[in-house]
Amino acid sequence: MAITSSELFTLTYGALVTQLCKDYENDEDVNKQLDKMGYNIGVRLIEDFLARSNVGRCHDFRETADVIAKVAFKMYLGITPSITNWSPAGDEFSLILENNPLVDFVELPDNHSSLIYSNLLCGVLRGALEMVQMAVEAKFVQDTLKGDGVTEIRMRFIRRIEDNLPAGEE
């Protein structure tokens, strides 16, 4: 049986989460570490994404949502989440992952009920979008590992980040 690169990634990620659970006292600290690691990945991954995807600058949050779901998730995880539950103001939406490849082969132990196993993804989204001048909040609101029917990441636009160049520099 040949192992695919996505299966290798899934298993490696599982080993990482297992190690974090051993290194930290509680799930909240593990969740923070996963978010922080994801953020650092996102900050670096955006350059690769922009180079490989030929996607131009998004003009609004709806366009950003489309690019995240239809291009980025497809490119890096091989899935295309659906975009739903837009807020009336258009500053929040949900990404619904029918199939989260990070949780293949995973079962949460009872003593880790508050672990957000795939929290790395929220950090990746925050880090990548910050590099394109967009401050966002990303959080899991549903998770198949916790018995929900789907995995849902809620995205909220906070603000556009202005480039703070020193006076006199353009």
N, C-alpha and C. Protein backbone atom coordinates (compact mmCIF):
# COMPACT_ATOMS: atom_id res chain seq x y z
N MET A 1 0.84 -1.19 0.00
CA MET A 1 0.00 0.00 0.00
C MET A 1 0.88 1.24 0.00
N ALA A 2 0.71 2.09 -1.00
CA ALA A 2 1.47 3.34 -1.08
C ALA A 2 0.75 4.40 -0.26
N ILE A 3 1.53 5.23 0.44
CA ILE A 3 0.94 6.30 1.23
C ILE A 3 1.02 7.59 0.42
N THR A 4 -0.07 8.34 0.36
CA THR A 4 -0.08 9.58 -0.40
C THR A 4 0.49 10.72 0.44
N SER A 5 0.85 11.82 -0.22
CA SER A 5 1.41 12.95 0.51
C SER A 5 0.37 13.55 1.46
N SER A 6 -0.91 13.53 1.08
CA SER A 6 -1.93 14.08 1.98
C SER A 6 -2.11 13.18 3.21
N GLU A 7 -2.00 11.86 3.02
CA GLU A 7 -2.07 10.95 4.17
C GLU A 7 -0.86 11.14 5.08
N LEU A 8 0.30 11.35 4.48
CA LEU A 8 1.51 11.59 5.26
C LEU A 8 1.36 12.87 6.08
N PHE A 9 0.82 13.91 5.44
CA PHE A 9 0.59 15.17 6.15
C PHE A 9 -0.40 14.97 7.30
N THR A 10 -1.48 14.26 7.05
CA THR A 10 -2.49 14.00 8.07
C THR A 10 -1.89 13.26 9.27
N LEU A 11 -1.09 12.24 8.99
CA LEU A 11 -0.46 11.47 10.06
C LEU A 11 0.58 12.30 10.82
N THR A 12 1.36 13.10 10.08
CA THR A 12 2.36 13.97 10.71
C THR A 12 1.67 15.01 11.59
N TYR A 13 0.58 15.58 11.09
CA TYR A 13 -0.17 16.55 11.87
C TYR A 13 -0.71 15.90 13.15
N GLY A 14 -1.19 14.70 13.04
CA GLY A 14 -1.68 13.97 14.21
C GLY A 14 -0.59 13.79 15.25
N ALA A 15 0.63 13.46 14.79
CA ALA A 15 1.76 13.30 15.71
C ALA A 15 2.09 14.64 16.38
N LEU A 16 2.01 15.73 15.63
CA LEU A 16 2.26 17.07 16.18
C LEU A 16 1.25 17.40 17.28
N VAL A 17 -0.02 17.18 17.01
CA VAL A 17 -1.06 17.48 18.00
C VAL A 17 -0.88 16.60 19.24
N THR A 18 -0.55 15.34 19.03
CA THR A 18 -0.32 14.42 20.15
C THR A 18 0.82 14.94 21.03
N GLN A 19 1.90 15.39 20.40
CA GLN A 19 3.04 15.91 21.15
C GLN A 19 2.67 17.18 21.91
N LEU A 20 1.91 18.06 21.28
CA LEU A 20 1.47 19.29 21.96
C LEU A 20 0.61 18.96 23.18
N CYS A 21 -0.23 17.94 23.05
CA CYS A 21 -1.08 17.52 24.18
C CYS A 21 -0.23 17.01 25.34
N LYS A 22 0.91 16.41 25.02
CA LYS A 22 1.82 15.93 26.07
C LYS A 22 2.59 17.10 26.69
N ASP A 23 2.93 18.10 25.86
CA ASP A 23 3.77 19.22 26.32
C ASP A 23 3.01 20.28 27.12
N TYR A 24 1.70 20.40 26.90
CA TYR A 24 0.94 21.47 27.54
C TYR A 24 -0.08 20.89 28.52
N GLU A 25 -0.34 21.67 29.56
CA GLU A 25 -1.22 21.25 30.65
C GLU A 25 -2.66 21.03 30.21
N ASN A 26 -3.17 21.95 29.37
CA ASN A 26 -4.59 21.88 29.04
C ASN A 26 -4.85 22.15 27.56
N ASP A 27 -6.07 21.83 27.15
CA ASP A 27 -6.46 21.99 25.74
C ASP A 27 -6.38 23.43 25.27
N GLU A 28 -6.71 24.39 26.15
CA GLU A 28 -6.67 25.80 25.75
C GLU A 28 -5.27 26.20 25.28
N ASP A 29 -4.24 25.74 26.01
CA ASP A 29 -2.86 26.04 25.63
C ASP A 29 -2.49 25.37 24.32
N VAL A 30 -2.97 24.14 24.11
CA VAL A 30 -2.72 23.44 22.85
C VAL A 30 -3.40 24.19 21.71
N ASN A 31 -4.65 24.62 21.93
CA ASN A 31 -5.39 25.38 20.91
C ASN A 31 -4.63 26.64 20.53
N LYS A 32 -4.09 27.36 21.53
CA LYS A 32 -3.32 28.59 21.27
C LYS A 32 -2.07 28.28 20.47
N GLN A 33 -1.38 27.20 20.81
CA GLN A 33 -0.16 26.82 20.08
C GLN A 33 -0.48 26.45 18.63
N LEU A 34 -1.55 25.71 18.42
CA LEU A 34 -1.94 25.34 17.05
C LEU A 34 -2.26 26.59 16.23
N ASP A 35 -2.97 27.55 16.85
CA ASP A 35 -3.30 28.80 16.17
C ASP A 35 -2.03 29.57 15.83
N LYS A 36 -1.13 29.65 16.78
CA LYS A 36 0.13 30.38 16.59
C LYS A 36 0.97 29.74 15.48
N MET A 37 1.07 28.41 15.50
CA MET A 37 1.80 27.70 14.45
C MET A 37 1.16 27.93 13.09
N GLY A 38 -0.17 27.85 13.05
CA GLY A 38 -0.89 28.10 11.80
C GLY A 38 -0.67 29.50 11.28
N TYR A 39 -0.69 30.47 12.20
CA TYR A 39 -0.45 31.87 11.82
C TYR A 39 0.92 32.00 11.15
N ASN A 40 1.94 31.41 11.76
CA ASN A 40 3.29 31.49 11.19
C ASN A 40 3.38 30.80 9.83
N ILE A 41 2.63 29.72 9.66
CA ILE A 41 2.58 29.05 8.36
C ILE A 41 1.89 29.95 7.34
N GLY A 42 0.75 30.53 7.72
CA GLY A 42 0.00 31.40 6.82
C GLY A 42 0.79 32.59 6.34
N VAL A 43 1.57 33.20 7.25
CA VAL A 43 2.40 34.36 6.90
C VAL A 43 3.38 34.00 5.78
N ARG A 44 3.89 32.77 5.81
CA ARG A 44 4.85 32.32 4.79
C ARG A 44 4.16 31.72 3.56
N LEU A 45 3.05 31.07 3.77
CA LEU A 45 2.35 30.36 2.70
C LEU A 45 1.74 31.29 1.66
N ILE A 46 1.39 32.50 2.08
CA ILE A 46 0.72 33.44 1.17
C ILE A 46 1.58 33.75 -0.05
N GLU A 47 2.89 33.85 0.12
CA GLU A 47 3.77 34.13 -1.02
C GLU A 47 3.71 32.99 -2.03
N ASP A 48 3.78 31.76 -1.55
CA ASP A 48 3.68 30.59 -2.42
C ASP A 48 2.32 30.58 -3.12
N PHE A 49 1.28 30.86 -2.35
CA PHE A 49 -0.08 30.87 -2.91
C PHE A 49 -0.20 31.90 -4.03
N LEU A 50 0.25 33.13 -3.78
CA LEU A 50 0.13 34.19 -4.79
C LEU A 50 0.95 33.86 -6.04
N ALA A 51 2.13 33.27 -5.85
CA ALA A 51 2.98 32.91 -6.98
C ALA A 51 2.37 31.79 -7.82
N ARG A 52 1.80 30.78 -7.16
CA ARG A 52 1.28 29.61 -7.87
C ARG A 52 -0.13 29.79 -8.42
N SER A 53 -0.93 30.66 -7.81
CA SER A 53 -2.34 30.76 -8.19
C SER A 53 -2.63 31.85 -9.22
N ASN A 54 -1.74 32.82 -9.37
CA ASN A 54 -1.97 33.97 -10.25
C ASN A 54 -3.25 34.72 -9.90
N VAL A 55 -3.63 34.70 -8.62
CA VAL A 55 -4.81 35.42 -8.17
C VAL A 55 -4.40 36.87 -7.91
N GLY A 56 -5.20 37.80 -8.41
CA GLY A 56 -4.91 39.22 -8.17
C GLY A 56 -5.49 39.66 -6.84
N ARG A 57 -5.37 40.95 -6.56
CA ARG A 57 -5.89 41.49 -5.32
C ARG A 57 -7.42 41.38 -5.29
N CYS A 58 -7.94 40.90 -4.17
CA CYS A 58 -9.40 40.80 -4.01
C CYS A 58 -9.95 42.18 -3.68
N HIS A 59 -11.12 42.49 -4.23
CA HIS A 59 -11.70 43.82 -4.04
C HIS A 59 -12.61 43.91 -2.83
N ASP A 60 -13.10 42.76 -2.36
CA ASP A 60 -13.96 42.79 -1.17
C ASP A 60 -13.91 41.44 -0.46
N PHE A 61 -14.60 41.37 0.66
CA PHE A 61 -14.54 40.17 1.50
C PHE A 61 -15.21 38.98 0.81
N ARG A 62 -16.24 39.22 -0.01
CA ARG A 62 -16.89 38.13 -0.75
C ARG A 62 -15.94 37.49 -1.74
N GLU A 63 -15.20 38.31 -2.44
CA GLU A 63 -14.22 37.80 -3.40
C GLU A 63 -13.12 37.02 -2.65
N THR A 64 -12.71 37.54 -1.50
CA THR A 64 -11.72 36.86 -0.67
C THR A 64 -12.23 35.49 -0.25
N ALA A 65 -13.49 35.41 0.16
CA ALA A 65 -14.09 34.14 0.57
C ALA A 65 -14.04 33.13 -0.59
N ASP A 66 -14.38 33.59 -1.80
CA ASP A 66 -14.34 32.71 -2.97
C ASP A 66 -12.94 32.17 -3.23
N VAL A 67 -11.95 33.05 -3.15
CA VAL A 67 -10.57 32.63 -3.40
C VAL A 67 -10.10 31.63 -2.34
N ILE A 68 -10.45 31.89 -1.07
CA ILE A 68 -10.07 30.98 0.01
C ILE A 68 -10.66 29.60 -0.25
N ALA A 69 -11.97 29.55 -0.51
CA ALA A 69 -12.66 28.26 -0.65
C ALA A 69 -12.31 27.54 -1.94
N LYS A 70 -12.36 28.27 -3.05
CA LYS A 70 -12.25 27.62 -4.36
C LYS A 70 -10.82 27.44 -4.86
N VAL A 71 -9.89 28.25 -4.34
CA VAL A 71 -8.52 28.15 -4.82
C VAL A 71 -7.58 27.64 -3.71
N ALA A 72 -7.54 28.34 -2.58
CA ALA A 72 -6.55 28.00 -1.54
C ALA A 72 -6.80 26.62 -0.91
N PHE A 73 -8.01 26.37 -0.45
CA PHE A 73 -8.29 25.06 0.16
C PHE A 73 -8.08 23.94 -0.85
N LYS A 74 -8.49 24.18 -2.09
CA LYS A 74 -8.32 23.18 -3.15
C LYS A 74 -6.84 22.90 -3.38
N MET A 75 -6.04 23.98 -3.45
CA MET A 75 -4.61 23.87 -3.74
C MET A 75 -3.85 23.12 -2.64
N TYR A 76 -4.16 23.44 -1.39
CA TYR A 76 -3.35 22.90 -0.29
C TYR A 76 -3.96 21.68 0.42
N LEU A 77 -5.29 21.56 0.41
CA LEU A 77 -5.91 20.44 1.12
C LEU A 77 -6.74 19.54 0.20
N GLY A 78 -6.89 19.95 -1.05
CA GLY A 78 -7.62 19.13 -2.00
C GLY A 78 -9.13 19.10 -1.77
N ILE A 79 -9.64 20.10 -1.07
CA ILE A 79 -11.09 20.18 -0.82
C ILE A 79 -11.61 21.56 -1.19
N THR A 80 -12.90 21.67 -1.40
CA THR A 80 -13.52 22.96 -1.70
C THR A 80 -14.68 23.16 -0.72
N PRO A 81 -14.43 23.90 0.36
CA PRO A 81 -15.51 24.15 1.32
C PRO A 81 -16.60 25.01 0.68
N SER A 82 -17.83 24.88 1.19
CA SER A 82 -18.88 25.78 0.71
C SER A 82 -18.90 27.02 1.59
N ILE A 83 -19.34 28.11 0.99
CA ILE A 83 -19.41 29.40 1.68
C ILE A 83 -20.87 29.68 1.98
N THR A 84 -21.20 29.85 3.27
CA THR A 84 -22.60 30.06 3.65
C THR A 84 -22.70 31.07 4.78
N ASN A 85 -23.92 31.31 5.20
CA ASN A 85 -24.22 32.11 6.40
C ASN A 85 -23.58 33.50 6.40
N TRP A 86 -23.69 34.20 5.27
CA TRP A 86 -23.18 35.57 5.24
C TRP A 86 -23.96 36.43 6.21
N SER A 87 -23.28 37.29 6.92
CA SER A 87 -23.97 38.25 7.79
C SER A 87 -24.59 39.32 6.90
N PRO A 88 -25.65 40.00 7.39
CA PRO A 88 -26.28 41.05 6.59
C PRO A 88 -25.30 42.13 6.15
N ALA A 89 -24.31 42.45 6.99
CA ALA A 89 -23.33 43.49 6.66
C ALA A 89 -22.25 42.98 5.69
N GLY A 90 -22.23 41.66 5.44
CA GLY A 90 -21.24 41.11 4.52
C GLY A 90 -19.84 41.03 5.11
N ASP A 91 -19.75 41.07 6.44
CA ASP A 91 -18.42 41.03 7.08
C ASP A 91 -18.14 39.70 7.79
N GLU A 92 -19.08 38.75 7.68
CA GLU A 92 -18.88 37.43 8.27
C GLU A 92 -19.47 36.37 7.35
N PHE A 93 -18.80 35.21 7.32
CA PHE A 93 -19.32 34.07 6.57
C PHE A 93 -18.78 32.80 7.20
N SER A 94 -19.34 31.68 6.79
CA SER A 94 -18.87 30.38 7.26
C SER A 94 -18.31 29.57 6.11
N LEU A 95 -17.23 28.87 6.40
CA LEU A 95 -16.68 27.87 5.48
C LEU A 95 -17.13 26.51 6.02
N ILE A 96 -17.87 25.77 5.22
CA ILE A 96 -18.34 24.45 5.62
C ILE A 96 -17.47 23.39 4.95
N LEU A 97 -16.79 22.61 5.77
CA LEU A 97 -15.94 21.54 5.27
C LEU A 97 -16.69 20.23 5.45
N GLU A 98 -17.20 19.71 4.34
CA GLU A 98 -17.90 18.42 4.39
C GLU A 98 -16.92 17.34 4.80
N ASN A 99 -15.67 17.51 4.35
CA ASN A 99 -14.63 16.53 4.60
C ASN A 99 -13.37 17.28 4.99
N ASN A 100 -12.94 17.17 6.22
CA ASN A 100 -11.71 17.81 6.69
C ASN A 100 -10.59 16.77 6.67
N PRO A 101 -9.65 16.88 5.73
CA PRO A 101 -8.60 15.86 5.62
C PRO A 101 -7.71 15.77 6.87
N LEU A 102 -7.65 16.82 7.68
CA LEU A 102 -6.82 16.77 8.88
C LEU A 102 -7.34 15.77 9.91
N VAL A 103 -8.62 15.44 9.84
CA VAL A 103 -9.20 14.57 10.88
C VAL A 103 -9.39 13.12 10.43
N ASP A 104 -8.88 12.78 9.23
CA ASP A 104 -8.91 11.37 8.82
C ASP A 104 -8.12 10.58 9.86
N PHE A 105 -8.59 9.45 10.23
CA PHE A 105 -7.95 8.55 11.21
C PHE A 105 -7.94 9.10 12.64
N VAL A 106 -8.73 10.14 12.95
CA VAL A 106 -8.65 10.77 14.27
C VAL A 106 -9.91 10.53 15.10
N GLU A 107 -9.70 10.25 16.36
CA GLU A 107 -10.78 10.18 17.34
C GLU A 107 -10.28 10.93 18.58
N LEU A 108 -11.05 11.92 19.03
CA LEU A 108 -10.63 12.69 20.21
C LEU A 108 -10.85 11.87 21.48
N PRO A 109 -9.82 11.78 22.33
CA PRO A 109 -10.03 11.10 23.62
C PRO A 109 -10.97 11.93 24.51
N ASP A 110 -11.70 11.27 25.38
CA ASP A 110 -12.66 11.96 26.26
C ASP A 110 -12.02 13.07 27.08
N ASN A 111 -10.76 12.89 27.49
CA ASN A 111 -10.12 13.90 28.33
C ASN A 111 -9.61 15.11 27.54
N HIS A 112 -9.93 15.16 26.24
CA HIS A 112 -9.56 16.33 25.42
C HIS A 112 -10.78 16.91 24.71
N SER A 113 -11.87 17.04 25.44
CA SER A 113 -13.13 17.49 24.83
C SER A 113 -13.10 18.96 24.39
N SER A 114 -12.19 19.77 24.94
CA SER A 114 -12.14 21.18 24.51
C SER A 114 -11.00 21.44 23.52
N LEU A 115 -10.35 20.36 23.06
CA LEU A 115 -9.30 20.51 22.05
C LEU A 115 -9.93 20.87 20.71
N ILE A 116 -9.41 21.90 20.07
CA ILE A 116 -9.84 22.26 18.72
C ILE A 116 -8.76 21.71 17.79
N TYR A 117 -8.92 20.45 17.42
CA TYR A 117 -7.90 19.67 16.75
C TYR A 117 -7.33 20.34 15.50
N SER A 118 -8.19 20.95 14.69
CA SER A 118 -7.75 21.54 13.42
C SER A 118 -7.51 23.05 13.53
N ASN A 119 -7.29 23.55 14.73
CA ASN A 119 -7.15 24.99 14.95
C ASN A 119 -6.02 25.61 14.14
N LEU A 120 -5.08 24.79 13.70
CA LEU A 120 -4.00 25.27 12.83
C LEU A 120 -4.59 26.01 11.62
N LEU A 121 -5.70 25.51 11.08
CA LEU A 121 -6.31 26.12 9.89
C LEU A 121 -6.73 27.57 10.15
N CYS A 122 -7.28 27.84 11.33
CA CYS A 122 -7.69 29.21 11.66
C CYS A 122 -6.48 30.14 11.68
N GLY A 123 -5.39 29.65 12.25
CA GLY A 123 -4.16 30.44 12.28
C GLY A 123 -3.62 30.70 10.88
N VAL A 124 -3.65 29.68 10.02
CA VAL A 124 -3.18 29.84 8.63
C VAL A 124 -3.99 30.94 7.94
N LEU A 125 -5.30 30.89 8.09
CA LEU A 125 -6.17 31.89 7.46
C LEU A 125 -5.86 33.30 7.96
N ARG A 126 -5.73 33.44 9.29
CA ARG A 126 -5.41 34.75 9.87
C ARG A 126 -4.06 35.27 9.36
N GLY A 127 -3.04 34.41 9.41
CA GLY A 127 -1.69 34.83 9.01
C GLY A 127 -1.61 35.22 7.55
N ALA A 128 -2.20 34.39 6.68
CA ALA A 128 -2.15 34.67 5.24
C ALA A 128 -2.89 35.96 4.91
N LEU A 129 -4.08 36.13 5.48
CA LEU A 129 -4.87 37.32 5.16
C LEU A 129 -4.24 38.60 5.73
N GLU A 130 -3.57 38.47 6.87
CA GLU A 130 -2.89 39.65 7.43
C GLU A 130 -1.80 40.14 6.47
N MET A 131 -1.15 39.22 5.78
CA MET A 131 -0.09 39.59 4.83
C MET A 131 -0.64 40.31 3.61
N VAL A 132 -1.93 40.20 3.36
CA VAL A 132 -2.56 40.95 2.26
C VAL A 132 -3.47 42.04 2.83
N GLN A 133 -3.05 42.59 3.96
CA GLN A 133 -3.68 43.73 4.62
C GLN A 133 -5.13 43.51 5.06
N MET A 134 -5.43 42.31 5.53
CA MET A 134 -6.78 42.04 5.99
C MET A 134 -6.74 41.41 7.38
N ALA A 135 -7.24 42.11 8.38
CA ALA A 135 -7.32 41.54 9.72
C ALA A 135 -8.65 40.80 9.83
N VAL A 136 -8.57 39.52 10.20
CA VAL A 136 -9.77 38.70 10.32
C VAL A 136 -9.72 37.89 11.61
N GLU A 137 -10.89 37.42 12.02
CA GLU A 137 -10.99 36.45 13.09
C GLU A 137 -11.48 35.16 12.43
N ALA A 138 -10.89 34.05 12.81
CA ALA A 138 -11.31 32.75 12.29
C ALA A 138 -11.44 31.81 13.48
N LYS A 139 -12.60 31.13 13.56
CA LYS A 139 -12.77 30.19 14.67
C LYS A 139 -13.70 29.05 14.25
N PHE A 140 -13.47 27.90 14.88
CA PHE A 140 -14.33 26.75 14.63
C PHE A 140 -15.61 26.91 15.43
N VAL A 141 -16.75 26.71 14.77
CA VAL A 141 -18.03 26.75 15.48
C VAL A 141 -18.73 25.39 15.44
N GLN A 142 -18.31 24.53 14.51
CA GLN A 142 -18.79 23.15 14.47
C GLN A 142 -17.61 22.27 14.09
N ASP A 143 -17.62 21.03 14.57
CA ASP A 143 -16.52 20.13 14.30
C ASP A 143 -17.03 18.69 14.30
N THR A 144 -16.77 17.98 13.21
CA THR A 144 -17.23 16.59 13.12
C THR A 144 -16.58 15.72 14.20
N LEU A 145 -15.39 16.10 14.66
CA LEU A 145 -14.74 15.34 15.73
C LEU A 145 -15.51 15.42 17.04
N LYS A 146 -16.36 16.45 17.15
CA LYS A 146 -17.14 16.63 18.38
C LYS A 146 -18.61 16.24 18.17
N GLY A 147 -18.86 15.51 17.09
CA GLY A 147 -20.19 14.99 16.85
C GLY A 147 -21.07 15.85 15.96
N ASP A 148 -20.58 17.01 15.51
CA ASP A 148 -21.38 17.83 14.59
C ASP A 148 -21.42 17.18 13.21
N GLY A 149 -22.43 17.52 12.43
CA GLY A 149 -22.59 16.94 11.10
C GLY A 149 -21.55 17.41 10.10
N VAL A 150 -21.05 18.63 10.30
CA VAL A 150 -20.04 19.21 9.41
C VAL A 150 -19.01 19.94 10.26
N THR A 151 -17.94 20.34 9.60
CA THR A 151 -16.95 21.21 10.25
C THR A 151 -17.17 22.60 9.69
N GLU A 152 -17.30 23.58 10.59
CA GLU A 152 -17.59 24.96 10.17
C GLU A 152 -16.57 25.90 10.79
N ILE A 153 -15.94 26.69 9.91
CA ILE A 153 -15.04 27.75 10.35
C ILE A 153 -15.76 29.07 10.09
N ARG A 154 -15.90 29.87 11.14
CA ARG A 154 -16.55 31.18 11.01
C ARG A 154 -15.47 32.23 10.79
N MET A 155 -15.61 32.99 9.72
CA MET A 155 -14.64 34.05 9.38
C MET A 155 -15.31 35.41 9.58
N ARG A 156 -14.59 36.31 10.25
CA ARG A 156 -15.13 37.66 10.46
C ARG A 156 -14.07 38.68 10.06
N PHE A 157 -14.46 39.59 9.17
CA PHE A 157 -13.58 40.68 8.76
C PHE A 157 -13.52 41.70 9.89
N ILE A 158 -12.32 42.05 10.32
CA ILE A 158 -12.17 43.05 11.38
C ILE A 158 -11.88 44.42 10.78
N ARG A 159 -10.82 44.48 9.97
CA ARG A 159 -10.48 45.77 9.34
C ARG A 159 -9.43 45.55 8.27
N ARG A 160 -9.30 46.55 7.39
CA ARG A 160 -8.22 46.55 6.41
C ARG A 160 -7.01 47.14 7.11
N ILE A 161 -5.86 46.51 6.94
CA ILE A 161 -4.64 46.98 7.58
C ILE A 161 -3.94 47.95 6.63
N GLU A 162 -3.69 49.14 7.13
CA GLU A 162 -3.00 50.15 6.33
C GLU A 162 -1.50 49.92 6.43
N ASP A 163 -0.80 50.11 5.31
CA ASP A 163 0.66 50.02 5.37
C ASP A 163 1.18 51.22 6.14
N ASN A 164 1.92 50.97 7.20
CA ASN A 164 2.48 52.05 7.99
C ASN A 164 3.93 52.27 7.60
N LEU A 165 4.11 53.07 6.53
CA LEU A 165 5.45 53.38 6.09
C LEU A 165 5.97 54.59 6.85
N PRO A 166 7.26 54.61 7.16
CA PRO A 166 7.83 55.79 7.82
C PRO A 166 7.60 57.03 6.97
N ALA A 167 7.46 58.19 7.62
CA ALA A 167 7.21 59.45 6.92
C ALA A 167 8.27 59.67 5.83
N GLY A 168 7.81 60.08 4.63
CA GLY A 168 8.73 60.37 3.56
C GLY A 168 9.03 59.16 2.66
N GLU A 169 8.59 57.97 3.03
CA GLU A 169 8.84 56.79 2.19
C GLU A 169 7.54 56.37 1.51
N GLU A 170 7.66 56.03 0.25
CA GLU A 170 6.49 55.59 -0.51
C GLU A 170 6.62 54.13 -0.85
